[in-house]
Amino acid sequence: MSSATVTIRLREEDIAALDRYIAAQGRGRSRADLVAEIVSRWTAGRKEAALPHDEGMRPEELNASNDS
């Protein structure tokens, strides 16, 4: 999977919260890694909601050529 660099502006209190979380985890993660994970988890949770509702084929559209 490819990635792109994105620059964001955060409030000081949000940066402080990220830093506290990183320190509490003790894994030496970077802010960038943590923000990327947050965004990835957020988008994964929204994928189902973002998909258009598929009603399938209407009965009048069904025939032997699309019977599988």
Foldseek 3Di string as FASTA:
>chain_A
DDDDDDDDDDDPVVVVVLVVVCVVVPPPDDSVVVVVVVVVVVVVVCPVVPDDDDPDDDPVPDDPVPDD
